[in-house]
């Protein structure tokens, strides 16, 4: 059934992809964002801030389903902005949806709400326990969703694992840059921690299915084919064929160094990176298969290979751009002092 859908953050990496999939499925799409969508996006555009009540009310008017993807990511490193956008903006949006009679809201949350899980797999019923500001903000936004549900709004929460896919850059832009140039890459510890990702296309699919399903629910989204962090990186290095290798660093000292470098502005790390890079985390997704008939298409290895190939194909054009209006996930993170480490790895003995 065709609906009118609002995608907040619809000009960002995942929001734009979700808007495209909705359009391809025959839905009318409206985008709320500070930045304009691509010229060929074929969507209605409302420019504005999700914290602006008048803009949000105008954006939700006449909409059937709202997909909330506006978020300040940890790399922004502005905790006040993190809270005001992720929490206050979500509350304002939910209130406007209640007032306007929106029939369904799908809220994109984050696996960061779980911090370091006490056990794996993480279930929808696992109690969240975030460890850093971004995770706390995303959990507070979930609480706002649950409160809106208690007032009669149909809200479903989707929690993705770390997102990959064609065009996904940010910190992955650094990883792919190193591998493309044959520099060695690192795991913390022995890299035996099992780590699950989700392809952006698979995430869009589960969100659209959730949008067509009545009744509030919580879904965890991740691939069902994944391995250890070391194996994942070894496989993408082998796919690249550049002689880049995976090396180990002592987990605790390396995590401390990442934290210090980020604090001094020398490297583009956020707390979640040094907290989770050496830890295991994966979702059980059987509930999504049962409730939505959703099955992820991409494995860890397939999404890394696709993401790497996209990076290599577009590398030269990205180097000529310096577009700070793009979201953090749509442009490579600045390497800072990591560029020195990259060159040093080429001098390491085999």
Protein backbone atom coordinates (compact mmCIF):
# COMPACT_ATOMS: atom_id res chain seq x y z
CA UNK A 1 0.00 0.00 0.00
CA UNK A 2 1.38 3.40 -1.00
CA UNK A 3 1.80 5.93 1.81
CA UNK A 4 3.24 9.35 2.37
CA UNK A 5 6.43 8.91 4.36
CA UNK A 6 8.56 11.48 6.14
CA UNK A 7 12.25 10.66 6.49
CA UNK A 8 13.96 12.90 9.03
CA UNK A 9 17.66 13.18 8.30
CA UNK A 10 16.78 12.14 4.77
CA UNK A 11 19.83 13.83 3.23
CA UNK A 12 22.29 11.90 5.40
CA UNK A 13 23.92 8.62 4.48
CA UNK A 14 21.30 6.18 5.70
CA UNK A 15 18.33 8.56 5.46
CA UNK A 16 18.97 9.18 1.75
CA UNK A 17 19.24 5.47 1.05
CA UNK A 18 16.02 4.80 2.98
CA UNK A 19 14.22 7.57 1.07
CA UNK A 20 15.34 6.03 -2.22
CA UNK A 21 14.08 2.59 -1.25
CA UNK A 22 10.74 4.06 -0.19
CA UNK A 23 10.42 5.90 -3.52
CA UNK A 24 11.32 2.72 -5.41
CA UNK A 25 8.54 0.95 -3.50
CA UNK A 26 6.00 3.49 -4.73
CA UNK A 27 5.69 5.70 -1.66
CA UNK A 28 5.53 9.48 -1.68
CA UNK A 29 8.52 10.73 0.30
CA UNK A 30 9.16 13.94 2.18
CA UNK A 31 12.56 14.74 3.68
CA UNK A 32 13.26 16.92 6.73
CA UNK A 33 16.90 17.93 6.92
CA UNK A 34 19.20 20.92 7.24
CA UNK A 35 20.79 20.00 3.90
CA UNK A 36 19.03 19.50 0.57
CA UNK A 37 18.69 16.00 -0.90
CA UNK A 38 20.47 15.09 -4.11
CA UNK A 39 18.92 16.81 -7.15
CA UNK A 40 17.66 13.48 -8.53
CA UNK A 41 16.13 12.31 -5.23
CA UNK A 42 12.52 12.97 -6.36
CA UNK A 43 11.31 13.85 -2.86
CA UNK A 44 9.55 16.77 -1.25
CA UNK A 45 11.99 18.74 0.87
CA UNK A 46 11.44 20.60 4.12
CA UNK A 47 14.57 22.43 5.22
CA UNK A 48 14.92 22.87 8.94
CA UNK A 49 16.08 21.73 12.34
CA UNK A 50 14.31 18.91 14.16
CA UNK A 51 14.45 21.10 17.27
CA UNK A 52 12.28 23.77 15.58
CA UNK A 53 8.66 23.04 16.54
CA UNK A 54 7.10 24.99 13.64
CA UNK A 55 9.29 23.24 11.06
CA UNK A 56 8.55 19.82 12.52
CA UNK A 57 4.79 20.44 12.59
CA UNK A 58 4.89 21.44 8.92
CA UNK A 59 6.99 18.39 8.06
CA UNK A 60 4.61 15.85 9.64
CA UNK A 61 1.41 17.38 8.26
CA UNK A 62 -0.40 14.87 6.05
CA UNK A 63 2.18 12.13 6.64
CA UNK A 64 1.25 8.49 7.25
CA UNK A 65 4.57 7.05 8.43
CA UNK A 66 7.57 8.85 9.93
CA UNK A 67 11.06 7.34 9.79
CA UNK A 68 13.20 9.17 12.33
CA UNK A 69 16.89 9.13 11.38
CA UNK A 70 18.08 12.53 12.57
CA UNK A 71 21.05 12.03 14.87
CA UNK A 72 24.20 13.75 15.97
CA UNK A 73 26.92 11.12 15.81
CA UNK A 74 29.77 10.74 18.35
CA UNK A 75 32.36 12.18 15.93
CA UNK A 76 30.62 15.55 16.28
CA UNK A 77 32.10 15.69 19.81
CA UNK A 78 29.53 18.18 21.08
CA UNK A 79 27.65 16.59 23.97
CA UNK A 80 25.14 19.42 24.29
CA UNK A 81 24.28 19.09 20.60
CA UNK A 82 24.21 15.32 21.01
CA UNK A 83 21.50 15.58 23.67
CA UNK A 84 19.47 18.39 22.14
CA UNK A 85 19.21 16.76 18.69
CA UNK A 86 18.99 13.09 19.64
CA UNK A 87 16.74 13.49 22.67
CA UNK A 88 14.94 16.87 22.57
CA UNK A 89 14.47 16.68 18.80
CA UNK A 90 13.01 13.18 19.06
CA UNK A 91 10.59 14.27 21.80
CA UNK A 92 9.42 17.23 19.73
CA UNK A 93 8.94 15.04 16.66
CA UNK A 94 6.91 12.46 18.59
CA UNK A 95 4.71 15.17 20.07
CA UNK A 96 4.02 16.59 16.60
CA UNK A 97 3.21 13.08 15.33
CA UNK A 98 0.68 12.61 18.13
CA UNK A 99 -0.94 15.96 17.39
CA UNK A 100 -1.06 15.34 13.62
CA UNK A 101 -2.46 11.82 13.74
CA UNK A 102 0.55 10.08 12.22
CA UNK A 103 -0.26 6.38 12.08
CA UNK A 104 3.26 4.97 12.54
CA UNK A 105 6.74 6.06 13.61
CA UNK A 106 9.89 3.99 13.04
CA UNK A 107 12.73 5.30 15.18
CA UNK A 108 16.30 4.34 14.32
CA UNK A 109 18.24 3.86 17.54
CA UNK A 110 21.69 2.29 18.04
CA UNK A 111 23.42 -0.77 19.46
CA UNK A 112 25.38 1.73 21.58
CA UNK A 113 22.49 1.61 24.07
CA UNK A 114 23.89 -1.76 25.23
CA UNK A 115 27.44 -0.66 25.99
CA UNK A 116 29.51 -3.82 26.48
CA UNK A 117 26.89 -6.56 26.78
CA UNK A 118 27.25 -8.99 29.67
CA UNK A 119 26.53 -11.86 27.28
CA UNK A 120 25.87 -12.52 23.60
CA UNK A 121 23.72 -12.68 21.61
CA UNK A 122 21.91 -9.49 22.58
CA UNK A 123 18.14 -9.97 22.55
CA UNK A 124 15.36 -7.37 22.21
CA UNK A 125 14.68 -8.03 25.89
CA UNK A 126 18.31 -7.39 26.95
CA UNK A 127 18.43 -4.48 29.37
CA UNK A 128 20.32 -1.50 27.85
CA UNK A 129 23.40 -0.24 29.70
CA UNK A 130 25.19 2.48 27.70
CA UNK A 131 28.73 3.53 28.61
CA UNK A 132 29.22 6.84 26.77
CA UNK A 133 27.33 10.01 25.88
CA UNK A 134 26.04 8.88 22.49
CA UNK A 135 24.62 5.64 23.89
CA UNK A 136 22.98 7.50 26.78
CA UNK A 137 21.40 9.99 24.36
CA UNK A 138 20.08 7.24 22.10
CA UNK A 139 18.62 5.40 25.10
CA UNK A 140 16.92 8.58 26.31
CA UNK A 141 15.40 8.92 22.84
CA UNK A 142 14.11 5.35 23.16
CA UNK A 143 12.50 6.28 26.48
CA UNK A 144 10.78 9.18 24.72
CA UNK A 145 9.45 6.68 22.15
CA UNK A 146 8.13 4.41 24.89
CA UNK A 147 6.46 7.38 26.58
CA UNK A 148 4.80 8.39 23.30
CA UNK A 149 3.60 4.81 22.88
CA UNK A 150 1.91 5.03 26.28
CA UNK A 151 -0.03 8.03 24.91
CA UNK A 152 -1.29 6.06 21.92
CA UNK A 153 1.36 6.64 19.24
CA UNK A 154 2.44 3.51 17.35
CA UNK A 155 6.25 3.62 17.56
CA UNK A 156 8.66 0.85 16.59
CA UNK A 157 12.33 1.07 17.56
CA UNK A 158 15.01 -0.41 15.29
CA UNK A 159 18.50 -0.85 16.74
CA UNK A 160 21.16 -1.44 14.07
CA UNK A 161 24.62 -2.85 14.57
CA UNK A 162 27.44 -0.84 12.98
CA UNK A 163 26.28 0.17 9.50
CA UNK A 164 28.23 -0.54 6.32
CA UNK A 165 27.45 -0.37 2.61
CA UNK A 166 28.33 1.48 -0.58
CA UNK A 167 29.21 5.07 0.29
CA UNK A 168 29.57 4.51 4.05
CA UNK A 169 32.71 6.36 5.07
CA UNK A 170 33.53 8.13 8.34
CA UNK A 171 36.06 6.04 10.26
CA UNK A 172 35.79 3.31 7.60
CA UNK A 173 37.21 5.77 5.08
CA UNK A 174 40.47 5.64 7.04
CA UNK A 175 40.48 1.83 7.16
CA UNK A 176 39.88 1.55 3.43
CA UNK A 177 42.50 4.22 2.67
CA UNK A 178 45.14 2.25 4.58
CA UNK A 179 44.25 -1.04 2.92
CA UNK A 180 44.16 0.51 -0.55
CA UNK A 181 47.69 1.83 -0.02
CA UNK A 182 48.99 -1.47 1.36
CA UNK A 183 49.40 -0.21 4.93
CA UNK A 184 48.90 -2.72 7.72
CA UNK A 185 45.77 -2.40 9.86
CA UNK A 186 45.31 -3.24 13.51
CA UNK A 187 43.10 -5.15 15.88
CA UNK A 188 43.21 -4.66 19.64
CA UNK A 189 44.34 -7.81 21.39
CA UNK A 190 44.24 -10.96 19.29
CA UNK A 191 41.16 -9.85 17.38
CA UNK A 192 39.15 -12.92 18.38
CA UNK A 193 36.16 -10.81 19.42
CA UNK A 194 33.09 -11.61 17.30
CA UNK A 195 31.70 -8.44 15.78
CA UNK A 196 28.55 -8.06 13.71
CA UNK A 197 27.71 -5.36 11.16
CA UNK A 198 24.58 -4.56 9.16
CA UNK A 199 24.35 -3.45 5.54
CA UNK A 200 22.49 -0.18 5.01
CA UNK A 201 20.22 -1.86 2.43
CA UNK A 202 19.25 -4.52 4.95
CA UNK A 203 18.60 -1.86 7.57
CA UNK A 204 16.38 0.08 5.17
CA UNK A 205 14.49 -3.12 4.41
CA UNK A 206 13.74 -3.85 8.07
CA UNK A 207 12.71 -0.23 8.68
CA UNK A 208 10.26 -0.28 5.75
CA UNK A 209 8.84 -3.60 6.90
CA UNK A 210 8.45 -2.19 10.40
CA UNK A 211 6.71 0.87 8.96
CA UNK A 212 4.12 -1.37 7.33
CA UNK A 213 3.54 -3.38 10.52
CA UNK A 214 1.05 -2.19 13.11
CA UNK A 215 1.77 -2.23 16.80
CA UNK A 216 4.84 -0.97 18.69
CA UNK A 217 7.83 -3.33 18.74
CA UNK A 218 11.61 -3.32 19.17
CA UNK A 219 13.84 -4.93 16.55
CA UNK A 220 17.59 -5.53 16.60
CA UNK A 221 19.18 -5.55 13.14
CA UNK A 222 22.42 -7.20 12.11
CA UNK A 223 23.77 -9.70 9.62
CA UNK A 224 23.41 -13.40 10.38
CA UNK A 225 26.82 -14.23 8.84
CA UNK A 226 29.80 -12.78 10.68
CA UNK A 227 33.05 -13.82 12.30
CA UNK A 228 35.81 -12.34 14.45
CA UNK A 229 37.21 -8.86 13.98
CA UNK A 230 40.56 -10.27 12.85
CA UNK A 231 38.96 -12.61 10.30
CA UNK A 232 36.75 -9.80 8.96
CA UNK A 233 39.72 -7.51 8.38
CA UNK A 234 41.87 -10.31 6.98
CA UNK A 235 39.16 -11.09 4.47
CA UNK A 236 38.82 -7.50 3.24
CA UNK A 237 42.64 -7.26 3.00
CA UNK A 238 42.65 -10.42 0.89
CA UNK A 239 39.84 -9.01 -1.25
CA UNK A 240 41.82 -5.80 -1.82
CA UNK A 241 44.97 -7.68 -2.82
CA UNK A 242 47.28 -4.85 -1.74
CA UNK A 243 49.45 -6.87 0.69
CA UNK A 244 47.94 -5.04 3.65
CA UNK A 245 48.07 -7.28 6.74
CA UNK A 246 46.33 -7.38 10.10
CA UNK A 247 48.51 -6.81 13.15
CA UNK A 248 47.73 -6.87 16.86
CA UNK A 249 48.15 -4.12 19.44
CA UNK A 250 47.85 -4.62 23.20
CA UNK A 251 44.21 -3.87 23.90
CA UNK A 252 44.39 -1.79 27.08
CA UNK A 253 47.33 0.49 26.14
CA UNK A 254 45.97 0.96 22.62
CA UNK A 255 42.53 1.90 23.92
CA UNK A 256 44.12 4.44 26.28
CA UNK A 257 46.17 5.86 23.41
CA UNK A 258 43.03 6.21 21.25
CA UNK A 259 41.30 8.07 24.06
CA UNK A 260 44.23 10.45 24.62
CA UNK A 261 44.69 11.11 20.89
CA UNK A 262 40.98 11.90 20.53
CA UNK A 263 41.07 14.21 23.54
CA UNK A 264 43.98 16.14 22.05
CA UNK A 265 42.27 16.36 18.66
CA UNK A 266 44.97 14.23 17.03
CA UNK A 267 42.72 11.40 15.82
CA UNK A 268 39.03 11.07 14.87
CA UNK A 269 38.07 8.53 17.52
CA UNK A 270 34.90 8.61 19.60
CA UNK A 271 34.42 6.79 22.93
CA UNK A 272 32.54 3.92 21.32
CA UNK A 273 35.62 3.11 19.22
CA UNK A 274 38.01 2.53 22.10
CA UNK A 275 35.33 0.93 24.27
CA UNK A 276 34.04 -1.61 21.75
CA UNK A 277 36.72 -2.31 19.13
CA UNK A 278 38.19 -5.21 21.11
CA UNK A 279 34.83 -6.48 22.47
CA UNK A 280 32.37 -9.04 21.17
CA UNK A 281 28.83 -8.01 20.32
CA UNK A 282 26.13 -9.47 18.17
CA UNK A 283 22.36 -9.44 17.96
CA UNK A 284 19.98 -12.34 17.72
CA UNK A 285 17.63 -11.37 14.88
CA UNK A 286 15.24 -14.33 14.88
CA UNK A 287 12.47 -12.10 16.24
CA UNK A 288 12.70 -9.86 13.15
CA UNK A 289 12.50 -12.87 10.84
CA UNK A 290 9.47 -14.17 12.71
CA UNK A 291 7.59 -10.85 12.97
CA UNK A 292 8.57 -9.17 9.69
CA UNK A 293 9.79 -12.02 7.47
CA UNK A 294 13.10 -10.11 7.32
CA UNK A 295 16.35 -11.84 6.47
CA UNK A 296 19.60 -9.90 5.92
CA UNK A 297 21.04 -10.26 2.41
CA UNK A 298 24.65 -9.35 3.18
CA UNK A 299 27.32 -11.06 5.29
CA UNK A 300 30.11 -9.14 7.03
CA UNK A 301 32.52 -10.13 4.26
CA UNK A 302 30.14 -9.13 1.45
CA UNK A 303 29.38 -5.72 2.88
CA UNK A 304 33.04 -4.96 3.60
CA UNK A 305 34.04 -5.96 0.08
CA UNK A 306 31.29 -3.82 -1.45
CA UNK A 307 32.11 -0.85 0.77
CA UNK A 308 35.83 -1.12 0.00
CA UNK A 309 35.23 -1.37 -3.75
CA UNK A 310 33.00 1.72 -3.64
CA UNK A 311 35.71 3.62 -1.78
CA UNK A 312 38.37 2.71 -4.33
CA UNK A 313 36.10 3.62 -7.23
CA UNK A 314 35.29 7.07 -5.78
CA UNK A 315 38.58 7.81 -4.03
CA UNK A 316 39.94 10.35 -6.49
CA UNK A 317 36.70 12.33 -6.64
CA UNK A 318 36.43 12.39 -2.82
CA UNK A 319 39.95 13.76 -2.54
CA UNK A 320 38.92 16.77 -4.63
CA UNK A 321 35.97 17.53 -2.35
CA UNK A 322 35.88 19.21 1.04
CA UNK A 323 32.14 19.36 1.64
CA UNK A 324 31.46 19.90 5.35
CA UNK A 325 27.71 20.01 4.71
CA UNK A 326 27.87 16.24 4.19
CA UNK A 327 27.14 14.06 7.21
CA UNK A 328 30.07 12.43 9.01
CA UNK A 329 29.11 9.06 7.53
CA UNK A 330 29.24 10.34 3.94
CA UNK A 331 32.78 11.70 4.00
CA UNK A 332 36.05 10.13 5.17
CA UNK A 333 37.14 11.09 8.66
CA UNK A 334 40.25 13.27 8.83
CA UNK A 335 43.20 11.08 9.77
CA UNK A 336 45.22 13.59 11.74
CA UNK A 337 48.19 11.91 13.43
CA UNK A 338 47.02 8.54 12.13
CA UNK A 339 48.56 9.43 8.77
CA UNK A 340 52.00 9.16 10.42
CA UNK A 341 51.13 5.74 11.82
CA UNK A 342 49.91 4.67 8.39
CA UNK A 343 53.29 5.42 6.82
CA UNK A 344 55.12 3.79 9.75
CA UNK A 345 53.30 0.48 9.21
CA UNK A 346 54.92 0.18 5.80
CA UNK A 347 58.33 0.06 7.51
CA UNK A 348 57.38 -2.76 9.89
CA UNK A 349 59.06 -6.11 9.25
CA UNK A 350 56.82 -8.89 7.94
